Amino acid sequence: MYVLSFRSTVAAHPAVWAGVSAAPTLSSVRIASLLPAGTEIAGRLGLADRLVGVTFECDEPAGVRDRVPVVVDTALPAAGTPAEIDAVVRERAASGLPLYDLDRATLAAADPDLILTQDLCAVCALPGSSVAQAQASIGTSAQVLSLDPHRLPDVLEVISAVGTAARVPEAAAALVGELSARLDAVAAAVRGRPEPRVLVLEWTDPPFLPGHWVPDLVTAAGGIAVGAVPGGRSVATGWDALPGPFDVVLVAPCGFGLAGEQGALAQARAVLDRLPAQLPVYALDSASYVVRAGPRLVDGIEAIAAALHPGAVPEPPPGRIERIR
């Protein structure tokens, strides 16, 4: 068993290469992805037909849960409010109970050669320690690649790492090149423009300020993320303790799309009266374009740039970001 933790940039590449030196050829690689970002990356690398296990949250490539066995489920309420979900997370953490359940029998039957997991956030996805325990109990010798990016450049390196582990380094290089070119285009488009100060709400009840790569998305879009923790964990705050001053508010609740009863639009409207009345407020599809460390983060950056700098970059397709005030 190889456990490859990919926490930052190029230094991890030698471990990746060493770990896959005896890996199966591309035609026989079987991939179990235990986090949505891994599934999205696999799909963009042309490996959708090599997926043999995914999670209850995986929705990219579209319809993947209909074609591939689901091996990870959750204890979180499917239709819970932000406050209800926060309460469950805190209660289970205090009791030492997991938030996610790995179906070991289904994973064993899938017989993967490569398992994609993470150890960055036990709230966001199944932690790698659970995978290690499952490996011991089911006797699999699959390689394990832990995808743990902290900053935006790390996400690109993670894509390269998955491509290397899955024996498609050329596809990964091409995808990273495409994403890098789009980032360069946004940077050129917003260069020299005033940088608005942006309050990002990564959760709304209670309010959380963003960490890890999320502040980098605002920076790449030509803004300044106020009160954020680049590369660190998101931080709970209070409505009377919001950092400031700020010029724009982005409501991007972790794990939620734009629409729906508890989606970002609904959550943004619910907190409007807690925000300065004169400021623009946007809701984002956070699940797809903000908190999932995959290729669509660049789509999110383009959408944020269009909001912060109207006319500088093309308007994003509907369903990514919406101004509500």
C-alpha atoms as a PDB file:
ATOM      1  CA  MET A   1       0.000   0.000   0.000  1.00  0.00           C
ATOM      2  CA  TYR A   2       1.256   3.458  -0.914  1.00  0.00           C
ATOM      3  CA  VAL A   3      -0.172   6.451   0.949  1.00  0.00           C
ATOM      4  CA  LEU A   4       0.741   9.610  -0.921  1.00  0.00           C
ATOM      5  CA  SER A   5      -0.215  12.828   0.821  1.00  0.00           C
ATOM      6  CA  PHE A   6      -0.190  15.778  -1.581  1.00  0.00           C
ATOM      7  CA  ARG A   7      -0.129  18.908   0.567  1.00  0.00           C
ATOM      8  CA  SER A   8       1.900  21.308  -1.525  1.00  0.00           C
ATOM      9  CA  THR A   9       3.516  21.994  -4.847  1.00  0.00           C
ATOM     10  CA  VAL A  10       6.389  20.343  -6.636  1.00  0.00           C
ATOM     11  CA  ALA A  11       8.154  18.829  -3.646  1.00  0.00           C
ATOM     12  CA  ALA A  12       5.600  16.023  -3.546  1.00  0.00           C
ATOM     13  CA  HIS A  13       6.248  14.859  -7.104  1.00  0.00           C
ATOM     14  CA  PRO A  14       9.136  12.469  -6.283  1.00  0.00           C
ATOM     15  CA  ALA A  15       6.900  10.658  -3.787  1.00  0.00           C
ATOM     16  CA  VAL A  16       4.148  10.406  -6.379  1.00  0.00           C
ATOM     17  CA  TRP A  17       6.480   8.950  -8.984  1.00  0.00           C
ATOM     18  CA  ALA A  18       7.962   6.500  -6.501  1.00  0.00           C
ATOM     19  CA  GLY A  19       4.511   5.464  -5.378  1.00  0.00           C
ATOM     20  CA  VAL A  20       3.254   4.564  -8.841  1.00  0.00           C
ATOM     21  CA  SER A  21       6.358   2.940 -10.246  1.00  0.00           C
ATOM     22  CA  ALA A  22       4.605  -0.431 -10.262  1.00  0.00           C
ATOM     23  CA  ALA A  23       1.089   0.884 -10.846  1.00  0.00           C
ATOM     24  CA  PRO A  24      -1.285  -0.766 -13.314  1.00  0.00           C
ATOM     25  CA  THR A  25      -1.299   0.469 -16.877  1.00  0.00           C
ATOM     26  CA  LEU A  26      -3.949   2.983 -17.912  1.00  0.00           C
ATOM     27  CA  SER A  27      -6.148   0.297 -19.439  1.00  0.00           C
ATOM     28  CA  SER A  28      -6.504  -1.457 -16.097  1.00  0.00           C
ATOM     29  CA  VAL A  29      -6.451   1.357 -13.510  1.00  0.00           C
ATOM     30  CA  ARG A  30      -9.566   1.167 -11.344  1.00  0.00           C
ATOM     31  CA  ILE A  31     -10.219   4.331  -9.324  1.00  0.00           C
ATOM     32  CA  ALA A  32     -12.290   4.755  -6.170  1.00  0.00           C
ATOM     33  CA  SER A  33     -12.796   8.450  -5.486  1.00  0.00           C
ATOM     34  CA  LEU A  34     -13.831   9.190  -1.914  1.00  0.00           C
ATOM     35  CA  LEU A  35     -14.233  12.927  -2.397  1.00  0.00           C
ATOM     36  CA  PRO A  36     -16.100  14.957  -5.043  1.00  0.00           C
ATOM     37  CA  ALA A  37     -13.001  16.879  -6.121  1.00  0.00           C
ATOM     38  CA  GLY A  38     -11.218  13.631  -6.961  1.00  0.00           C
ATOM     39  CA  THR A  39     -14.171  12.478  -9.038  1.00  0.00           C
ATOM     40  CA  GLU A  40     -14.302  15.772 -10.911  1.00  0.00           C
ATOM     41  CA  ILE A  41     -10.579  15.653 -11.623  1.00  0.00           C
ATOM     42  CA  ALA A  42     -10.804  12.053 -12.836  1.00  0.00           C
ATOM     43  CA  GLY A  43     -13.605  13.014 -15.197  1.00  0.00           C
ATOM     44  CA  ARG A  44     -11.686  15.953 -16.654  1.00  0.00           C
ATOM     45  CA  LEU A  45      -8.687  13.670 -17.209  1.00  0.00           C
ATOM     46  CA  GLY A  46     -10.777  11.297 -19.309  1.00  0.00           C
ATOM     47  CA  LEU A  47     -10.953   8.665 -16.576  1.00  0.00           C
ATOM     48  CA  ALA A  48     -14.707   8.602 -15.943  1.00  0.00           C
ATOM     49  CA  ASP A  49     -14.957   5.052 -17.231  1.00  0.00           C
ATOM     50  CA  ARG A  50     -12.228   3.978 -14.795  1.00  0.00           C
ATOM     51  CA  LEU A  51     -14.211   5.049 -11.711  1.00  0.00           C
ATOM     52  CA  VAL A  52     -15.413   2.082  -9.650  1.00  0.00           C
ATOM     53  CA  GLY A  53     -16.500   3.938  -6.506  1.00  0.00           C
ATOM     54  CA  VAL A  54     -17.703   7.464  -5.682  1.00  0.00           C
ATOM     55  CA  THR A  55     -19.445   9.380  -2.883  1.00  0.00           C
ATOM     56  CA  PHE A  56     -23.035  10.447  -2.299  1.00  0.00           C
ATOM     57  CA  GLU A  57     -22.006  14.028  -3.201  1.00  0.00           C
ATOM     58  CA  CYS A  58     -20.224  13.322  -6.485  1.00  0.00           C
ATOM     59  CA  ASP A  59     -22.096  15.033  -9.315  1.00  0.00           C
ATOM     60  CA  GLU A  60     -19.337  15.797 -11.820  1.00  0.00           C
ATOM     61  CA  PRO A  61     -19.113  14.179 -14.345  1.00  0.00           C
ATOM     62  CA  ALA A  62     -22.879  14.489 -14.576  1.00  0.00           C
ATOM     63  CA  GLY A  63     -24.765  11.335 -13.682  1.00  0.00           C
ATOM     64  CA  VAL A  64     -21.727   9.607 -12.224  1.00  0.00           C
ATOM     65  CA  ARG A  65     -23.682   8.277  -9.219  1.00  0.00           C
ATOM     66  CA  ASP A  66     -26.071   6.520 -11.587  1.00  0.00           C
ATOM     67  CA  ARG A  67     -23.216   4.620 -13.223  1.00  0.00           C
ATOM     68  CA  VAL A  68     -20.784   3.989 -10.383  1.00  0.00           C
ATOM     69  CA  PRO A  69     -21.342   2.389  -6.947  1.00  0.00           C
ATOM     70  CA  VAL A  70     -21.607   4.878  -4.077  1.00  0.00           C
ATOM     71  CA  VAL A  71     -19.199   3.840  -1.326  1.00  0.00           C
ATOM     72  CA  VAL A  72     -19.425   6.891   0.988  1.00  0.00           C
ATOM     73  CA  ASP A  73     -22.575   8.205   2.719  1.00  0.00           C
ATOM     74  CA  THR A  74     -23.098  10.842   5.394  1.00  0.00           C
ATOM     75  CA  ALA A  75     -24.758  11.398   8.752  1.00  0.00           C
ATOM     76  CA  LEU A  76     -25.501  15.023   7.888  1.00  0.00           C
ATOM     77  CA  PRO A  77     -29.191  15.848   7.301  1.00  0.00           C
ATOM     78  CA  ALA A  78     -29.938  16.042   3.591  1.00  0.00           C
ATOM     79  CA  ALA A  79     -32.364  18.962   3.904  1.00  0.00           C
ATOM     80  CA  GLY A  80     -30.997  20.582   7.040  1.00  0.00           C
ATOM     81  CA  THR A  81     -30.710  24.288   7.578  1.00  0.00           C
ATOM     82  CA  PRO A  82     -27.220  25.740   8.107  1.00  0.00           C
ATOM     83  CA  ALA A  83     -27.893  25.931  11.858  1.00  0.00           C
ATOM     84  CA  GLU A  84     -29.123  22.325  11.985  1.00  0.00           C
ATOM     85  CA  ILE A  85     -26.113  21.055  10.051  1.00  0.00           C
ATOM     86  CA  ASP A  86     -23.753  23.029  12.251  1.00  0.00           C
ATOM     87  CA  ALA A  87     -25.391  21.502  15.340  1.00  0.00           C
ATOM     88  CA  VAL A  88     -25.009  17.959  14.011  1.00  0.00           C
ATOM     89  CA  VAL A  89     -21.349  18.559  13.181  1.00  0.00           C
ATOM     90  CA  ARG A  90     -20.641  19.895  16.655  1.00  0.00           C
ATOM     91  CA  GLU A  91     -22.591  17.149  18.435  1.00  0.00           C
ATOM     92  CA  ARG A  92     -20.947  14.313  16.540  1.00  0.00           C
ATOM     93  CA  ALA A  93     -17.498  15.846  16.962  1.00  0.00           C
ATOM     94  CA  ALA A  94     -18.072  16.169  20.715  1.00  0.00           C
ATOM     95  CA  SER A  95     -19.177  12.514  20.852  1.00  0.00           C
ATOM     96  CA  GLY A  96     -16.293  11.279  18.722  1.00  0.00           C
ATOM     97  CA  LEU A  97     -18.676  10.090  16.009  1.00  0.00           C
ATOM     98  CA  PRO A  98     -17.815  10.252  12.292  1.00  0.00           C
ATOM     99  CA  LEU A  99     -19.727  12.388   9.821  1.00  0.00           C
ATOM    100  CA  TYR A 100     -19.210   9.951   6.956  1.00  0.00           C
ATOM    101  CA  ASP A 101     -19.652   6.225   6.529  1.00  0.00           C
ATOM    102  CA  LEU A 102     -17.527   4.102   4.218  1.00  0.00           C
ATOM    103  CA  ASP A 103     -19.260   1.054   2.742  1.00  0.00           C
ATOM    104  CA  ARG A 104     -16.371  -1.350   3.133  1.00  0.00           C
ATOM    105  CA  ALA A 105     -18.116  -4.276   1.446  1.00  0.00           C
ATOM    106  CA  THR A 106     -18.905  -2.249  -1.670  1.00  0.00           C
ATOM    107  CA  LEU A 107     -15.387  -0.815  -1.740  1.00  0.00           C
ATOM    108  CA  ALA A 108     -13.913  -4.311  -1.457  1.00  0.00           C
ATOM    109  CA  ALA A 109     -16.139  -5.535  -4.286  1.00  0.00           C
ATOM    110  CA  ALA A 110     -15.055  -2.579  -6.438  1.00  0.00           C
ATOM    111  CA  ASP A 111     -11.442  -3.783  -6.102  1.00  0.00           C
ATOM    112  CA  PRO A 112      -9.777  -0.429  -6.879  1.00  0.00           C
ATOM    113  CA  ASP A 113      -6.139  -0.021  -7.840  1.00  0.00           C
ATOM    114  CA  LEU A 114      -6.108   3.646  -6.798  1.00  0.00           C
ATOM    115  CA  ILE A 115      -8.071   5.328  -4.001  1.00  0.00           C
ATOM    116  CA  LEU A 116      -8.414   9.106  -3.946  1.00  0.00           C
ATOM    117  CA  THR A 117      -9.025  10.528  -0.469  1.00  0.00           C
ATOM    118  CA  GLN A 118      -8.230  13.557   1.702  1.00  0.00           C
ATOM    119  CA  ASP A 119      -7.095  14.534   5.186  1.00  0.00           C
ATOM    120  CA  LEU A 120      -7.662  18.270   4.949  1.00  0.00           C
ATOM    121  CA  CYS A 121     -11.128  18.522   6.495  1.00  0.00           C
ATOM    122  CA  ALA A 122     -13.078  15.869   8.411  1.00  0.00           C
ATOM    123  CA  VAL A 123     -16.262  17.930   7.961  1.00  0.00           C
ATOM    124  CA  CYS A 124     -15.987  18.174   4.171  1.00  0.00           C
ATOM    125  CA  ALA A 125     -15.307  14.539   3.222  1.00  0.00           C
ATOM    126  CA  LEU A 126     -14.324  11.131   4.552  1.00  0.00           C
ATOM    127  CA  PRO A 127     -10.914  11.493   6.272  1.00  0.00           C
ATOM    128  CA  GLY A 128      -7.970   9.408   5.141  1.00  0.00           C
ATOM    129  CA  SER A 129      -7.659   7.702   8.529  1.00  0.00           C
ATOM    130  CA  SER A 130     -10.978   5.954   7.874  1.00  0.00           C
ATOM    131  CA  VAL A 131      -9.643   4.743   4.545  1.00  0.00           C
ATOM    132  CA  ALA A 132      -6.519   3.316   6.175  1.00  0.00           C
ATOM    133  CA  GLN A 133      -8.670   1.411   8.677  1.00  0.00           C
ATOM    134  CA  ALA A 134     -10.860   0.089   5.876  1.00  0.00           C
ATOM    135  CA  GLN A 135      -7.838  -1.051   3.897  1.00  0.00           C
ATOM    136  CA  ALA A 136      -6.660  -3.096   6.838  1.00  0.00           C
ATOM    137  CA  SER A 137     -10.059  -4.709   7.336  1.00  0.00           C
ATOM    138  CA  ILE A 138     -10.788  -5.570   3.698  1.00  0.00           C
ATOM    139  CA  GLY A 139      -7.220  -6.444   2.768  1.00  0.00           C
ATOM    140  CA  THR A 140      -6.853  -4.186  -0.268  1.00  0.00           C
ATOM    141  CA  SER A 141      -3.391  -3.235  -1.502  1.00  0.00           C
ATOM    142  CA  ALA A 142      -4.659  -0.274  -3.545  1.00  0.00           C
ATOM    143  CA  GLN A 143      -2.526   2.830  -3.723  1.00  0.00           C
ATOM    144  CA  VAL A 144      -3.942   5.757  -1.757  1.00  0.00           C
ATOM    145  CA  LEU A 145      -3.482   9.332  -2.958  1.00  0.00           C
ATOM    146  CA  SER A 146      -4.474  11.965  -0.406  1.00  0.00           C
ATOM    147  CA  LEU A 147      -5.520  15.231  -2.051  1.00  0.00           C
ATOM    148  CA  ASP A 148      -4.884  18.015   0.459  1.00  0.00           C
ATOM    149  CA  PRO A 149      -4.376  21.358  -1.294  1.00  0.00           C
ATOM    150  CA  HIS A 150      -4.196  24.412   0.945  1.00  0.00           C
ATOM    151  CA  ARG A 151      -3.796  27.157  -1.690  1.00  0.00           C
ATOM    152  CA  LEU A 152      -4.911  27.660  -5.275  1.00  0.00           C
ATOM    153  CA  PRO A 153      -1.548  26.648  -6.845  1.00  0.00           C
ATOM    154  CA  ASP A 154      -1.746  23.420  -4.834  1.00  0.00           C
ATOM    155  CA  VAL A 155      -4.991  22.532  -6.601  1.00  0.00           C
ATOM    156  CA  LEU A 156      -3.188  22.552  -9.948  1.00  0.00           C
ATOM    157  CA  GLU A 157      -0.472  20.365  -8.465  1.00  0.00           C
ATOM    158  CA  VAL A 158      -3.107  17.949  -7.186  1.00  0.00           C
ATOM    159  CA  ILE A 159      -4.435  17.585 -10.736  1.00  0.00           C
ATOM    160  CA  SER A 160      -0.924  16.701 -11.857  1.00  0.00           C
ATOM    161  CA  ALA A 161      -0.603  14.205  -9.014  1.00  0.00           C
ATOM    162  CA  VAL A 162      -3.830  12.433  -9.964  1.00  0.00           C
ATOM    163  CA  GLY A 163      -2.731  12.291 -13.586  1.00  0.00           C
ATOM    164  CA  THR A 164       0.595  10.785 -12.593  1.00  0.00           C
ATOM    165  CA  ALA A 165      -0.968   8.218 -10.256  1.00  0.00           C
ATOM    166  CA  ALA A 166      -3.541   7.233 -12.891  1.00  0.00           C
ATOM    167  CA  ARG A 167      -0.928   7.023 -15.651  1.00  0.00           C
ATOM    168  CA  VAL A 168      -2.243   9.953 -17.691  1.00  0.00           C
ATOM    169  CA  PRO A 169       0.399  12.639 -17.032  1.00  0.00           C
ATOM    170  CA  GLU A 170       0.009  14.129 -20.506  1.00  0.00           C
ATOM    171  CA  ALA A 171      -3.730  14.684 -19.988  1.00  0.00           C
ATOM    172  CA  ALA A 172      -3.020  16.286 -16.617  1.00  0.00           C
ATOM    173  CA  ALA A 173      -0.384  18.572 -18.103  1.00  0.00           C
ATOM    174  CA  ALA A 174      -2.798  19.661 -20.814  1.00  0.00           C
ATOM    175  CA  LEU A 175      -5.560  20.381 -18.299  1.00  0.00           C
ATOM    176  CA  VAL A 176      -3.238  22.320 -15.984  1.00  0.00           C
ATOM    177  CA  GLY A 177      -2.006  24.301 -18.979  1.00  0.00           C
ATOM    178  CA  GLU A 178      -5.562  25.173 -20.005  1.00  0.00           C
ATOM    179  CA  LEU A 179      -6.540  26.226 -16.486  1.00  0.00           C
ATOM    180  CA  SER A 180      -3.339  28.257 -16.058  1.00  0.00           C
ATOM    181  CA  ALA A 181      -3.993  30.086 -19.318  1.00  0.00           C
ATOM    182  CA  ARG A 182      -7.486  31.015 -18.160  1.00  0.00           C
ATOM    183  CA  LEU A 183      -6.108  32.275 -14.850  1.00  0.00           C
ATOM    184  CA  ASP A 184      -3.580  34.366 -16.740  1.00  0.00           C
ATOM    185  CA  ALA A 185      -6.377  35.800 -18.879  1.00  0.00           C
ATOM    186  CA  VAL A 186      -8.361  36.867 -15.810  1.00  0.00           C
ATOM    187  CA  ALA A 187      -5.249  38.383 -14.236  1.00  0.00           C
ATOM    188  CA  ALA A 188      -4.575  40.402 -17.380  1.00  0.00           C
ATOM    189  CA  ALA A 189      -8.188  41.548 -17.593  1.00  0.00           C
ATOM    190  CA  VAL A 190      -8.338  42.906 -14.028  1.00  0.00           C
ATOM    191  CA  ARG A 191      -4.773  44.199 -13.785  1.00  0.00           C
ATOM    192  CA  GLY A 192      -4.606  47.867 -12.818  1.00  0.00           C
ATOM    193  CA  ARG A 193      -8.237  48.064 -11.721  1.00  0.00           C
ATOM    194  CA  PRO A 194      -9.213  49.083  -8.172  1.00  0.00           C
ATOM    195  CA  GLU A 195      -9.413  46.017  -5.922  1.00  0.00           C
ATOM    196  CA  PRO A 196     -12.725  45.884  -4.043  1.00  0.00           C
ATOM    197  CA  ARG A 197     -12.657  44.561  -0.493  1.00  0.00           C
ATOM    198  CA  VAL A 198     -14.744  41.400  -0.420  1.00  0.00           C
ATOM    199  CA  LEU A 199     -16.455  39.715   2.505  1.00  0.00           C
ATOM    200  CA  VAL A 200     -16.915  36.019   1.734  1.00  0.00           C
ATOM    201  CA  LEU A 201     -19.353  34.091   3.905  1.00  0.00           C
ATOM    202  CA  GLU A 202     -18.460  30.411   3.730  1.00  0.00           C
ATOM    203  CA  TRP A 203     -21.328  29.602   6.114  1.00  0.00           C
ATOM    204  CA  THR A 204     -24.228  31.713   7.325  1.00  0.00           C
ATOM    205  CA  ASP A 205     -25.499  30.245  10.611  1.00  0.00           C
ATOM    206  CA  PRO A 206     -23.189  30.898  12.315  1.00  0.00           C
ATOM    207  CA  PRO A 207     -21.204  33.031   9.859  1.00  0.00           C
ATOM    208  CA  PHE A 208     -17.801  31.646   8.860  1.00  0.00           C
ATOM    209  CA  LEU A 209     -14.950  33.484   7.160  1.00  0.00           C
ATOM    210  CA  PRO A 210     -13.133  31.486   4.480  1.00  0.00           C
ATOM    211  CA  GLY A 211      -9.800  29.715   4.575  1.00  0.00           C
ATOM    212  CA  HIS A 212      -7.654  27.381   2.462  1.00  0.00           C
ATOM    213  CA  TRP A 213      -7.829  28.300  -1.253  1.00  0.00           C
ATOM    214  CA  VAL A 214     -11.048  30.375  -1.096  1.00  0.00           C
ATOM    215  CA  PRO A 215      -9.302  33.717  -0.367  1.00  0.00           C
ATOM    216  CA  ASP A 216      -7.045  32.993  -3.353  1.00  0.00           C
ATOM    217  CA  LEU A 217     -10.115  32.858  -5.606  1.00  0.00           C
ATOM    218  CA  VAL A 218     -10.986  36.425  -4.631  1.00  0.00           C
ATOM    219  CA  THR A 219      -7.392  37.557  -5.133  1.00  0.00           C
ATOM    220  CA  ALA A 220      -7.216  35.904  -8.554  1.00  0.00           C
ATOM    221  CA  ALA A 221     -10.483  37.643  -9.478  1.00  0.00           C
ATOM    222  CA  GLY A 222      -9.015  41.056  -8.657  1.00  0.00           C
ATOM    223  CA  GLY A 223     -10.323  41.568  -5.126  1.00  0.00           C
ATOM    224  CA  ILE A 224      -9.151  41.553  -1.516  1.00  0.00           C
ATOM    225  CA  ALA A 225     -10.675  38.938   0.791  1.00  0.00           C
ATOM    226  CA  VAL A 226     -11.191  40.669   4.135  1.00  0.00           C
ATOM    227  CA  GLY A 227     -10.829  38.674   7.330  1.00  0.00           C
ATOM    228  CA  ALA A 228      -9.934  35.519   5.412  1.00  0.00           C
ATOM    229  CA  VAL A 229      -7.267  32.973   6.321  1.00  0.00           C
ATOM    230  CA  PRO A 230      -5.378  32.006   3.138  1.00  0.00           C
ATOM    231  CA  GLY A 231      -4.143  28.442   3.470  1.00  0.00           C
ATOM    232  CA  GLY A 232      -5.713  28.017   6.909  1.00  0.00           C
ATOM    233  CA  ARG A 233      -9.016  26.823   8.284  1.00  0.00           C
ATOM    234  CA  SER A 234     -12.226  28.807   7.973  1.00  0.00           C
ATOM    235  CA  VAL A 235     -13.114  30.734  11.120  1.00  0.00           C
ATOM    236  CA  ALA A 236     -16.446  31.205  12.861  1.00  0.00           C
ATOM    237  CA  THR A 237     -17.384  34.776  13.678  1.00  0.00           C
ATOM    238  CA  GLY A 238     -20.443  36.745  14.753  1.00  0.00           C
ATOM    239  CA  TRP A 239     -22.641  39.158  12.863  1.00  0.00           C
ATOM    240  CA  ASP A 240     -21.521  41.901  15.209  1.00  0.00           C
ATOM    241  CA  ALA A 241     -17.859  40.999  14.657  1.00  0.00           C
ATOM    242  CA  LEU A 242     -17.607  40.915  10.872  1.00  0.00           C
ATOM    243  CA  PRO A 243     -14.278  42.254   9.596  1.00  0.00           C
ATOM    244  CA  GLY A 244     -14.344  45.457   7.680  1.00  0.00           C
ATOM    245  CA  PRO A 245     -14.577  47.635   5.889  1.00  0.00           C
ATOM    246  CA  PHE A 246     -15.770  45.773   2.809  1.00  0.00           C
ATOM    247  CA  ASP A 247     -17.317  46.793  -0.510  1.00  0.00           C
ATOM    248  CA  VAL A 248     -18.938  43.561  -1.738  1.00  0.00           C
ATOM    249  CA  VAL A 249     -20.405  40.465  -0.084  1.00  0.00           C
ATOM    250  CA  LEU A 250     -20.158  36.994  -1.603  1.00  0.00           C
ATOM    251  CA  VAL A 251     -22.387  34.366   0.035  1.00  0.00           C
ATOM    252  CA  ALA A 252     -20.833  30.980  -0.774  1.00  0.00           C
ATOM    253  CA  PRO A 253     -22.033  28.457   1.828  1.00  0.00           C
ATOM    254  CA  CYS A 254     -19.878  25.341   1.867  1.00  0.00           C
ATOM    255  CA  GLY A 255     -21.467  22.385   0.100  1.00  0.00           C
ATOM    256  CA  PHE A 256     -24.511  24.262  -1.228  1.00  0.00           C
ATOM    257  CA  GLY A 257     -25.428  25.053  -4.804  1.00  0.00           C
ATOM    258  CA  LEU A 258     -27.076  28.262  -5.954  1.00  0.00           C
ATOM    259  CA  ALA A 259     -30.723  27.193  -6.024  1.00  0.00           C
ATOM    260  CA  GLY A 260     -32.892  25.161  -3.674  1.00  0.00           C
ATOM    261  CA  GLU A 261     -34.641  25.735  -0.365  1.00  0.00           C
ATOM    262  CA  GLN A 262     -31.304  25.949   1.470  1.00  0.00           C
ATOM    263  CA  GLY A 263     -29.161  27.040  -1.485  1.00  0.00           C
ATOM    264  CA  ALA A 264     -26.872  30.053  -1.613  1.00  0.00           C
ATOM    265  CA  LEU A 265     -29.603  32.333  -2.988  1.00  0.00           C
ATOM    266  CA  ALA A 266     -31.958  31.484  -0.138  1.00  0.00           C
ATOM    267  CA  GLN A 267     -29.212  31.820   2.454  1.00  0.00           C
ATOM    268  CA  ALA A 268     -28.073  35.156   1.053  1.00  0.00           C
ATOM    269  CA  ARG A 269     -31.604  36.546   1.184  1.00  0.00           C
ATOM    270  CA  ALA A 270     -31.970  35.278   4.758  1.00  0.00           C
ATOM    271  CA  VAL A 271     -28.994  37.322   5.950  1.00  0.00           C
ATOM    272  CA  LEU A 272     -29.542  40.509   3.948  1.00  0.00           C
ATOM    273  CA  ASP A 273     -30.780  42.408   6.979  1.00  0.00           C
ATOM    274  CA  ARG A 274     -27.516  41.596   8.796  1.00  0.00           C
ATOM    275  CA  LEU A 275     -25.395  43.200   6.073  1.00  0.00           C
ATOM    276  CA  PRO A 276     -24.842  46.891   5.263  1.00  0.00           C
ATOM    277  CA  ALA A 277     -27.805  48.025   3.201  1.00  0.00           C
ATOM    278  CA  GLN A 278     -25.864  49.937   0.573  1.00  0.00           C
ATOM    279  CA  LEU A 279     -23.496  47.129  -0.501  1.00  0.00           C
ATOM    280  CA  PRO A 280     -23.918  44.666  -3.390  1.00  0.00           C
ATOM    281  CA  VAL A 281     -24.513  41.058  -2.346  1.00  0.00           C
ATOM    282  CA  TYR A 282     -23.913  38.036  -4.573  1.00  0.00           C
ATOM    283  CA  ALA A 283     -24.760  34.364  -4.084  1.00  0.00           C
ATOM    284  CA  LEU A 284     -22.490  31.688  -5.573  1.00  0.00           C
ATOM    285  CA  ASP A 285     -22.798  28.000  -6.327  1.00  0.00           C
ATOM    286  CA  SER A 286     -20.174  27.161  -3.739  1.00  0.00           C
ATOM    287  CA  ALA A 287     -20.427  23.382  -4.017  1.00  0.00           C
ATOM    288  CA  SER A 288     -19.332  23.452  -7.650  1.00  0.00           C
ATOM    289  CA  TYR A 289     -17.139  26.528  -7.993  1.00  0.00           C
ATOM    290  CA  VAL A 290     -15.741  27.581  -4.605  1.00  0.00           C
ATOM    291  CA  VAL A 291     -15.120  24.879  -2.009  1.00  0.00           C
ATOM    292  CA  ARG A 292     -14.479  21.860  -4.255  1.00  0.00           C
ATOM    293  CA  ALA A 293     -10.770  21.776  -5.052  1.00  0.00           C
ATOM    294  CA  GLY A 294     -11.084  20.804  -8.699  1.00  0.00           C
ATOM    295  CA  PRO A 295     -10.851  22.330 -12.180  1.00  0.00           C
ATOM    296  CA  ARG A 296     -14.095  24.283 -11.819  1.00  0.00           C
ATOM    297  CA  LEU A 297     -12.470  26.605  -9.295  1.00  0.00           C
ATOM    298  CA  VAL A 298     -11.302  28.513 -12.362  1.00  0.00           C
ATOM    299  CA  ASP A 299     -14.936  28.837 -13.472  1.00  0.00           C
ATOM    300  CA  GLY A 300     -15.601  30.276 -10.013  1.00  0.00           C
ATOM    301  CA  ILE A 301     -12.771  32.780 -10.338  1.00  0.00           C
ATOM    302  CA  GLU A 302     -14.101  33.923 -13.709  1.00  0.00           C
ATOM    303  CA  ALA A 303     -17.577  34.343 -12.212  1.00  0.00           C
ATOM    304  CA  ILE A 304     -16.260  36.340  -9.243  1.00  0.00           C
ATOM    305  CA  ALA A 305     -14.167  38.515 -11.553  1.00  0.00           C
ATOM    306  CA  ALA A 306     -17.247  39.288 -13.640  1.00  0.00           C
ATOM    307  CA  ALA A 307     -19.040  40.410 -10.481  1.00  0.00           C
ATOM    308  CA  LEU A 308     -16.174  42.491  -9.108  1.00  0.00           C
ATOM    309  CA  HIS A 309     -15.122  44.003 -12.452  1.00  0.00           C
ATOM    310  CA  PRO A 310     -18.146  44.204 -14.783  1.00  0.00           C
ATOM    311  CA  GLY A 311     -17.126  44.275 -18.409  1.00  0.00           C
ATOM    312  CA  ALA A 312     -13.557  43.164 -17.788  1.00  0.00           C
ATOM    313  CA  VAL A 313     -14.275  39.476 -18.352  1.00  0.00           C
ATOM    314  CA  PRO A 314     -17.156  37.704 -20.097  1.00  0.00           C
ATOM    315  CA  GLU A 315     -20.338  37.146 -18.110  1.00  0.00           C
ATOM    316  CA  PRO A 316     -20.525  33.599 -16.703  1.00  0.00           C
ATOM    317  CA  PRO A 317     -23.271  31.182 -17.729  1.00  0.00           C
ATOM    318  CA  PRO A 318     -26.440  31.306 -15.629  1.00  0.00           C
ATOM    319  CA  GLY A 319     -26.406  29.265 -12.453  1.00  0.00           C
ATOM    320  CA  ARG A 320     -22.952  30.138 -11.171  1.00  0.00           C
ATOM    321  CA  ILE A 321     -23.375  33.501  -9.477  1.00  0.00           C
ATOM    322  CA  GLU A 322     -26.311  35.855  -9.014  1.00  0.00           C
ATOM    323  CA  ARG A 323     -26.604  39.338  -7.615  1.00  0.00           C
ATOM    324  CA  ILE A 324     -29.462  39.688  -5.179  1.00  0.00           C
ATOM    325  CA  ARG A 325     -28.895  43.324  -4.202  1.00  0.00           C
END
